[in-house]
Amino acid sequence: MIDFAVFPFNLSLADYPPALLALCSSFFFATASFIYRRYAIRKGVLWMNSFKATVAFFLFSLALILRGVPWAFPDLISCFLLALSGLIGLNLGDFLLLHSYKKIGSGRSLMITAFNPLVLSVVGFLVFDERLKTEHVVAVIFMSFCVLSIGLEDFRKSKSFDFSGISYAMGAASLDATGILITRAVFRSYPMLDPQLANWIRITGALAGFVVIHFSGRKIGLISGFLSMPIKDRGLAVFSSFLGTFFALTLWITALKYGPIGLVAAMGGFGPLYATSIECYSQRVWPSRYLLAAALSFAIGFTFIIKTL
């Protein structure tokens, strides 16, 4: 059988440091985010979100078949929780995230969604009675400056405060953190679960949500929308779905299974700085002083998060 869950030199993904897997996942997702934004604007958020989930579903199915992985499902409750995490994170969370891309761009959106380590720390403090460290409080302050700076940049452009894009991004961060917590809980109770099978169950949960939306009266037009695109755009849409959903999720869930949850979430902090740099380069513009202030605040806050790991 072909093992698609490997890196070079015939090593399984489990043989690589979880931090490296999470970092690579963040890089691939941030890269795909630029293409997601393009088609979220052209074809609609719902179309782009459902399309990438559909492509990922078929790729996960194909990978499991070709790898010959036993379809050893966990118990029914764990399957339900994984499907629920997919519905929350990959359906509802990504829906808000793509809306945020349309409003304020992928770089700024990812900067705000990097609140995840803080969200997880607060949840650990409230739910699991874990100690909330001083560094977390300092990081919250600097991350808040980051959000405020992005809001001031929007105010400078439109002369009015419109926090809808920021609200979408923060909502996406909260839903994503919820999905992470649920998925990690399932791995702890069922440690033999294959990460790609877990991904298959999660993406199935996300697709179930899109099916309900479609048959409730809001037609998505998945196939017709795809066929109406030029061949180049079709290829980009499929490639971004492979890179940012299938491949990035493969790395992310493997890292989540084997690595500390805080460390894995914190490695997502690379994406915003990378995405912001590429965004400015692609638009051939220098970053505004507000964006530079946001990036600096983010970097300082992220440094304090790393210090706690």
Protein backbone atom coordinates (compact mmCIF):
# COMPACT_ATOMS: atom_id res chain seq x y z
CA MET A 1 0.00 0.00 0.00
CA ILE A 2 1.04 3.61 -0.58
CA ASP A 3 1.70 5.65 2.56
CA PHE A 4 0.65 9.20 1.82
CA ALA A 5 1.15 10.29 5.43
CA VAL A 6 4.92 10.54 5.16
CA PHE A 7 7.56 13.20 4.75
CA PRO A 8 10.86 12.60 2.92
CA PHE A 9 13.22 9.79 3.88
CA ASN A 10 10.36 7.34 4.48
CA LEU A 11 9.56 8.68 7.94
CA SER A 12 6.03 8.75 9.28
CA LEU A 13 4.61 12.13 10.25
CA ALA A 14 4.62 10.91 13.85
CA ASP A 15 8.44 10.83 13.68
CA TYR A 16 8.64 14.60 13.20
CA PRO A 17 8.44 17.16 16.05
CA PRO A 18 4.82 18.31 16.55
CA ALA A 19 5.99 21.94 16.57
CA LEU A 20 7.48 21.50 13.08
CA LEU A 21 4.28 19.89 11.77
CA ALA A 22 2.17 22.71 13.23
CA LEU A 23 4.52 25.33 11.79
CA CYS A 24 4.35 23.77 8.30
CA SER A 25 0.57 23.51 8.59
CA SER A 26 0.37 27.21 9.44
CA PHE A 27 2.54 28.06 6.44
CA PHE A 28 0.46 26.01 3.98
CA PHE A 29 -2.85 27.32 5.33
CA ALA A 30 -1.67 30.93 5.18
CA THR A 31 -0.54 30.39 1.57
CA ALA A 32 -3.91 28.92 0.60
CA SER A 33 -5.72 31.75 2.37
CA PHE A 34 -4.88 34.21 -0.41
CA ILE A 35 -6.64 31.97 -2.94
CA TYR A 36 -9.54 31.39 -0.55
CA ARG A 37 -10.03 35.15 -0.29
CA ARG A 38 -10.03 35.57 -4.08
CA TYR A 39 -12.82 33.06 -4.64
CA ALA A 40 -14.73 34.02 -1.51
CA ILE A 41 -15.07 37.45 -3.14
CA ARG A 42 -15.82 36.13 -6.63
CA LYS A 43 -18.00 33.10 -5.88
CA GLY A 44 -19.17 33.75 -2.33
CA VAL A 45 -18.03 32.62 1.10
CA LEU A 46 -20.44 29.69 1.26
CA TRP A 47 -19.30 28.35 -2.10
CA MET A 48 -15.59 28.56 -1.29
CA ASN A 49 -16.05 27.02 2.13
CA SER A 50 -18.12 24.10 0.88
CA PHE A 51 -15.87 23.54 -2.14
CA LYS A 52 -12.64 23.19 -0.15
CA ALA A 53 -14.39 20.86 2.31
CA THR A 54 -15.70 18.70 -0.55
CA VAL A 55 -12.27 18.42 -2.19
CA ALA A 56 -10.69 17.56 1.16
CA PHE A 57 -13.34 14.89 1.82
CA PHE A 58 -12.48 13.05 -1.41
CA LEU A 59 -8.73 13.42 -0.81
CA PHE A 60 -8.97 12.06 2.74
CA SER A 61 -11.10 9.17 1.48
CA LEU A 62 -8.59 8.41 -1.28
CA ALA A 63 -5.62 8.64 1.09
CA LEU A 64 -7.21 6.23 3.57
CA ILE A 65 -8.01 3.73 0.82
CA LEU A 66 -4.57 3.88 -0.80
CA ARG A 67 -2.75 3.71 2.54
CA GLY A 68 -4.77 0.68 3.53
CA VAL A 69 -5.57 2.16 6.91
CA PRO A 70 -8.15 0.04 8.78
CA TRP A 71 -11.36 2.00 9.15
CA ALA A 72 -11.19 1.47 12.91
CA PHE A 73 -13.75 3.97 14.09
CA PRO A 74 -13.79 4.94 17.77
CA ASP A 75 -16.96 4.59 19.82
CA LEU A 76 -20.12 6.32 18.66
CA ILE A 77 -19.78 9.23 21.08
CA SER A 78 -16.21 9.93 19.94
CA CYS A 79 -17.33 9.83 16.29
CA PHE A 80 -20.10 12.28 17.08
CA LEU A 81 -17.68 14.60 18.89
CA LEU A 82 -15.22 14.54 15.99
CA ALA A 83 -18.02 15.29 13.51
CA LEU A 84 -19.20 18.08 15.81
CA SER A 85 -15.68 19.53 15.96
CA GLY A 86 -15.62 19.52 12.16
CA LEU A 87 -18.99 21.25 12.00
CA ILE A 88 -17.83 23.87 14.49
CA GLY A 89 -14.31 24.48 13.19
CA LEU A 90 -14.32 23.59 9.48
CA ASN A 91 -17.86 24.73 8.68
CA LEU A 92 -18.95 27.54 11.00
CA GLY A 93 -15.45 28.68 11.98
CA ASP A 94 -14.12 28.81 8.42
CA PHE A 95 -17.33 30.52 7.29
CA LEU A 96 -16.59 33.39 9.68
CA LEU A 97 -12.90 33.34 8.75
CA LEU A 98 -13.62 33.70 5.02
CA HIS A 99 -15.98 36.58 5.77
CA SER A 100 -13.13 38.17 7.69
CA TYR A 101 -10.81 37.65 4.71
CA LYS A 102 -13.26 39.59 2.54
CA LYS A 103 -13.51 42.42 5.06
CA ILE A 104 -9.96 43.00 6.29
CA GLY A 105 -7.71 40.63 4.31
CA SER A 106 -6.09 37.32 5.15
CA GLY A 107 -3.03 38.72 6.95
CA ARG A 108 -5.01 40.82 9.42
CA SER A 109 -7.56 38.05 9.91
CA LEU A 110 -4.92 35.44 10.73
CA MET A 111 -3.27 37.91 13.10
CA ILE A 112 -6.50 38.08 15.11
CA THR A 113 -7.22 34.34 14.96
CA ALA A 114 -3.78 33.77 16.50
CA PHE A 115 -5.58 34.50 19.78
CA ASN A 116 -6.17 30.74 19.92
CA PRO A 117 -3.39 30.00 22.44
CA LEU A 118 -4.90 32.62 24.74
CA VAL A 119 -8.41 31.26 24.28
CA LEU A 120 -7.17 27.77 25.10
CA SER A 121 -5.32 29.04 28.17
CA VAL A 122 -8.44 30.80 29.47
CA VAL A 123 -10.55 27.69 28.82
CA GLY A 124 -7.98 25.63 30.70
CA PHE A 125 -8.18 28.08 33.61
CA LEU A 126 -12.00 28.09 33.73
CA VAL A 127 -12.72 24.44 32.90
CA PHE A 128 -9.66 22.46 33.96
CA ASP A 129 -8.59 24.68 36.86
CA GLU A 130 -5.22 25.33 35.26
CA ARG A 131 -3.20 28.30 36.48
CA LEU A 132 -3.50 31.42 34.29
CA LYS A 133 0.05 32.78 34.09
CA THR A 134 1.11 36.42 34.22
CA GLU A 135 2.56 36.06 30.72
CA HIS A 136 -0.93 35.23 29.44
CA VAL A 137 -2.30 38.47 30.87
CA VAL A 138 0.52 40.49 29.28
CA ALA A 139 -0.05 38.70 25.97
CA VAL A 140 -3.76 39.57 26.11
CA ILE A 141 -2.86 43.25 26.52
CA PHE A 142 -0.53 43.29 23.51
CA MET A 143 -2.91 41.21 21.40
CA SER A 144 -5.64 43.73 22.27
CA PHE A 145 -3.37 46.52 20.99
CA CYS A 146 -3.04 44.49 17.80
CA VAL A 147 -6.81 44.39 17.30
CA LEU A 148 -7.17 48.08 18.21
CA SER A 149 -4.52 49.06 15.69
CA ILE A 150 -6.29 47.15 12.91
CA GLY A 151 -9.54 48.87 13.93
CA LEU A 152 -7.86 52.31 13.80
CA GLU A 153 -6.51 51.53 10.33
CA ASP A 154 -10.04 50.80 9.14
CA PHE A 155 -11.28 54.01 10.80
CA ARG A 156 -8.61 56.03 8.97
CA LYS A 157 -9.85 54.65 5.63
CA SER A 158 -13.62 54.83 6.13
CA LYS A 159 -13.91 57.53 8.86
CA SER A 160 -16.12 55.17 10.85
CA PHE A 161 -15.56 52.16 13.05
CA ASP A 162 -16.68 48.91 11.44
CA PHE A 163 -15.62 46.02 13.62
CA SER A 164 -17.49 43.42 11.58
CA GLY A 165 -14.30 42.03 10.03
CA ILE A 166 -12.58 41.89 13.41
CA SER A 167 -15.68 40.31 14.97
CA TYR A 168 -15.75 37.64 12.24
CA ALA A 169 -12.08 36.82 12.89
CA MET A 170 -12.50 36.64 16.67
CA GLY A 171 -15.58 34.45 16.26
CA ALA A 172 -13.59 32.16 13.96
CA ALA A 173 -10.79 31.96 16.54
CA SER A 174 -13.23 30.97 19.29
CA LEU A 175 -14.91 28.29 17.17
CA ASP A 176 -11.56 26.93 16.00
CA ALA A 177 -10.33 26.71 19.59
CA THR A 178 -13.51 24.81 20.51
CA GLY A 179 -12.91 22.34 17.68
CA ILE A 180 -9.29 21.88 18.81
CA LEU A 181 -10.34 21.13 22.38
CA ILE A 182 -12.95 18.58 21.28
CA THR A 183 -10.54 16.84 18.89
CA ARG A 184 -7.78 16.68 21.50
CA ALA A 185 -10.23 15.21 24.04
CA VAL A 186 -11.11 12.43 21.57
CA PHE A 187 -7.43 11.62 20.96
CA ARG A 188 -6.85 11.39 24.71
CA SER A 189 -9.70 8.92 25.12
CA TYR A 190 -8.87 6.99 21.93
CA PRO A 191 -5.05 7.26 21.41
CA MET A 192 -4.92 4.61 18.66
CA LEU A 193 -7.15 6.67 16.36
CA ASP A 194 -5.45 7.37 13.01
CA PRO A 195 -5.15 11.16 12.44
CA GLN A 196 -6.36 10.96 8.85
CA LEU A 197 -9.39 8.93 9.87
CA ALA A 198 -10.07 11.60 12.49
CA ASN A 199 -9.80 14.20 9.72
CA TRP A 200 -12.19 12.20 7.55
CA ILE A 201 -14.78 12.13 10.33
CA ARG A 202 -14.31 15.86 11.00
CA ILE A 203 -14.63 16.85 7.34
CA THR A 204 -17.73 14.62 7.07
CA GLY A 205 -19.27 16.59 9.93
CA ALA A 206 -18.50 19.83 8.11
CA LEU A 207 -20.03 18.51 4.87
CA ALA A 208 -23.16 17.42 6.72
CA GLY A 209 -23.67 21.05 7.69
CA PHE A 210 -23.37 22.17 4.06
CA VAL A 211 -25.87 19.50 2.97
CA VAL A 212 -28.38 20.80 5.52
CA ILE A 213 -27.81 24.38 4.29
CA HIS A 214 -28.27 23.33 0.66
CA PHE A 215 -31.50 21.42 1.20
CA SER A 216 -32.91 24.03 3.55
CA GLY A 217 -33.39 26.32 0.58
CA ARG A 218 -30.07 28.12 0.17
CA LYS A 219 -28.59 26.51 -2.94
CA ILE A 220 -24.79 26.46 -2.93
CA GLY A 221 -24.32 25.71 -6.64
CA LEU A 222 -21.12 23.79 -6.03
CA ILE A 223 -20.80 22.08 -9.42
CA SER A 224 -22.28 24.86 -11.55
CA GLY A 225 -20.08 27.43 -9.85
CA PHE A 226 -16.99 25.31 -10.48
CA LEU A 227 -17.80 24.66 -14.15
CA SER A 228 -18.43 28.35 -14.80
CA MET A 229 -14.83 29.17 -13.84
CA PRO A 230 -11.94 29.36 -16.33
CA ILE A 231 -9.64 26.32 -16.29
CA LYS A 232 -6.87 28.23 -14.50
CA ASP A 233 -9.25 29.28 -11.71
CA ARG A 234 -10.54 25.72 -11.37
CA GLY A 235 -6.98 24.50 -10.90
CA LEU A 236 -6.23 27.18 -8.31
CA ALA A 237 -9.41 26.40 -6.37
CA VAL A 238 -8.58 22.68 -6.27
CA PHE A 239 -4.91 23.32 -5.43
CA SER A 240 -5.77 25.67 -2.56
CA SER A 241 -8.22 23.10 -1.18
CA PHE A 242 -5.52 20.43 -1.33
CA LEU A 243 -2.87 22.65 0.25
CA GLY A 244 -4.87 24.56 2.86
CA THR A 245 -7.44 21.96 3.87
CA PHE A 246 -6.26 18.43 3.08
CA PHE A 247 -2.49 18.78 3.56
CA ALA A 248 -2.53 21.47 6.26
CA LEU A 249 -5.13 19.52 8.25
CA THR A 250 -3.12 16.30 7.91
CA LEU A 251 -0.12 18.00 9.50
CA TRP A 252 -2.20 19.91 12.05
CA ILE A 253 -4.19 16.98 13.41
CA THR A 254 -1.05 14.80 13.61
CA ALA A 255 0.66 17.56 15.61
CA LEU A 256 -2.41 17.90 17.80
CA LYS A 257 -2.40 14.18 18.56
CA TYR A 258 1.24 13.96 19.60
CA GLY A 259 2.13 17.45 20.84
CA PRO A 260 1.13 19.75 23.73
CA ILE A 261 -2.04 21.61 22.77
CA GLY A 262 -0.67 25.03 23.72
CA LEU A 263 2.50 24.56 21.69
CA VAL A 264 0.59 23.34 18.64
CA ALA A 265 -1.82 26.28 18.77
CA ALA A 266 0.99 28.78 19.32
CA MET A 267 2.86 27.63 16.21
CA GLY A 268 -0.05 29.06 14.23
CA GLY A 269 1.40 32.45 15.07
CA PHE A 270 3.80 32.15 12.13
CA GLY A 271 0.94 32.38 9.64
CA PRO A 272 -0.14 35.99 10.33
CA LEU A 273 3.31 37.50 9.93
CA TYR A 274 3.96 35.47 6.79
CA ALA A 275 0.54 36.28 5.32
CA THR A 276 0.88 39.99 6.07
CA SER A 277 4.29 40.13 4.38
CA ILE A 278 3.04 38.32 1.27
CA GLU A 279 -0.11 40.47 1.18
CA CYS A 280 1.93 43.68 1.13
CA TYR A 281 4.32 42.25 -1.48
CA SER A 282 1.54 41.06 -3.79
CA GLN A 283 -0.20 44.45 -3.61
CA ARG A 284 3.13 46.26 -4.11
CA VAL A 285 2.48 48.53 -1.14
CA TRP A 286 4.40 49.30 2.05
CA PRO A 287 2.58 48.31 5.24
CA SER A 288 0.83 51.20 6.94
CA ARG A 289 2.03 52.40 10.32
CA TYR A 290 -1.13 50.91 11.84
CA LEU A 291 -0.33 47.50 10.34
CA LEU A 292 3.27 47.75 11.50
CA ALA A 293 2.05 48.62 15.00
CA ALA A 294 -0.34 45.66 14.89
CA ALA A 295 2.44 43.32 13.74
CA LEU A 296 4.77 44.59 16.47
CA SER A 297 2.08 44.19 19.15
CA PHE A 298 1.33 40.71 17.85
CA ALA A 299 5.01 39.72 17.86
CA ILE A 300 5.47 40.91 21.46
CA GLY A 301 2.30 39.15 22.63
CA PHE A 302 3.25 36.00 20.77
CA THR A 303 6.68 36.06 22.43
CA PHE A 304 5.06 36.04 25.86
CA ILE A 305 2.90 33.07 24.79
CA ILE A 306 5.98 31.13 23.68
CA LYS A 307 7.66 31.83 27.02
CA THR A 308 4.89 29.93 28.83
CA LEU A 309 5.27 26.74 26.77
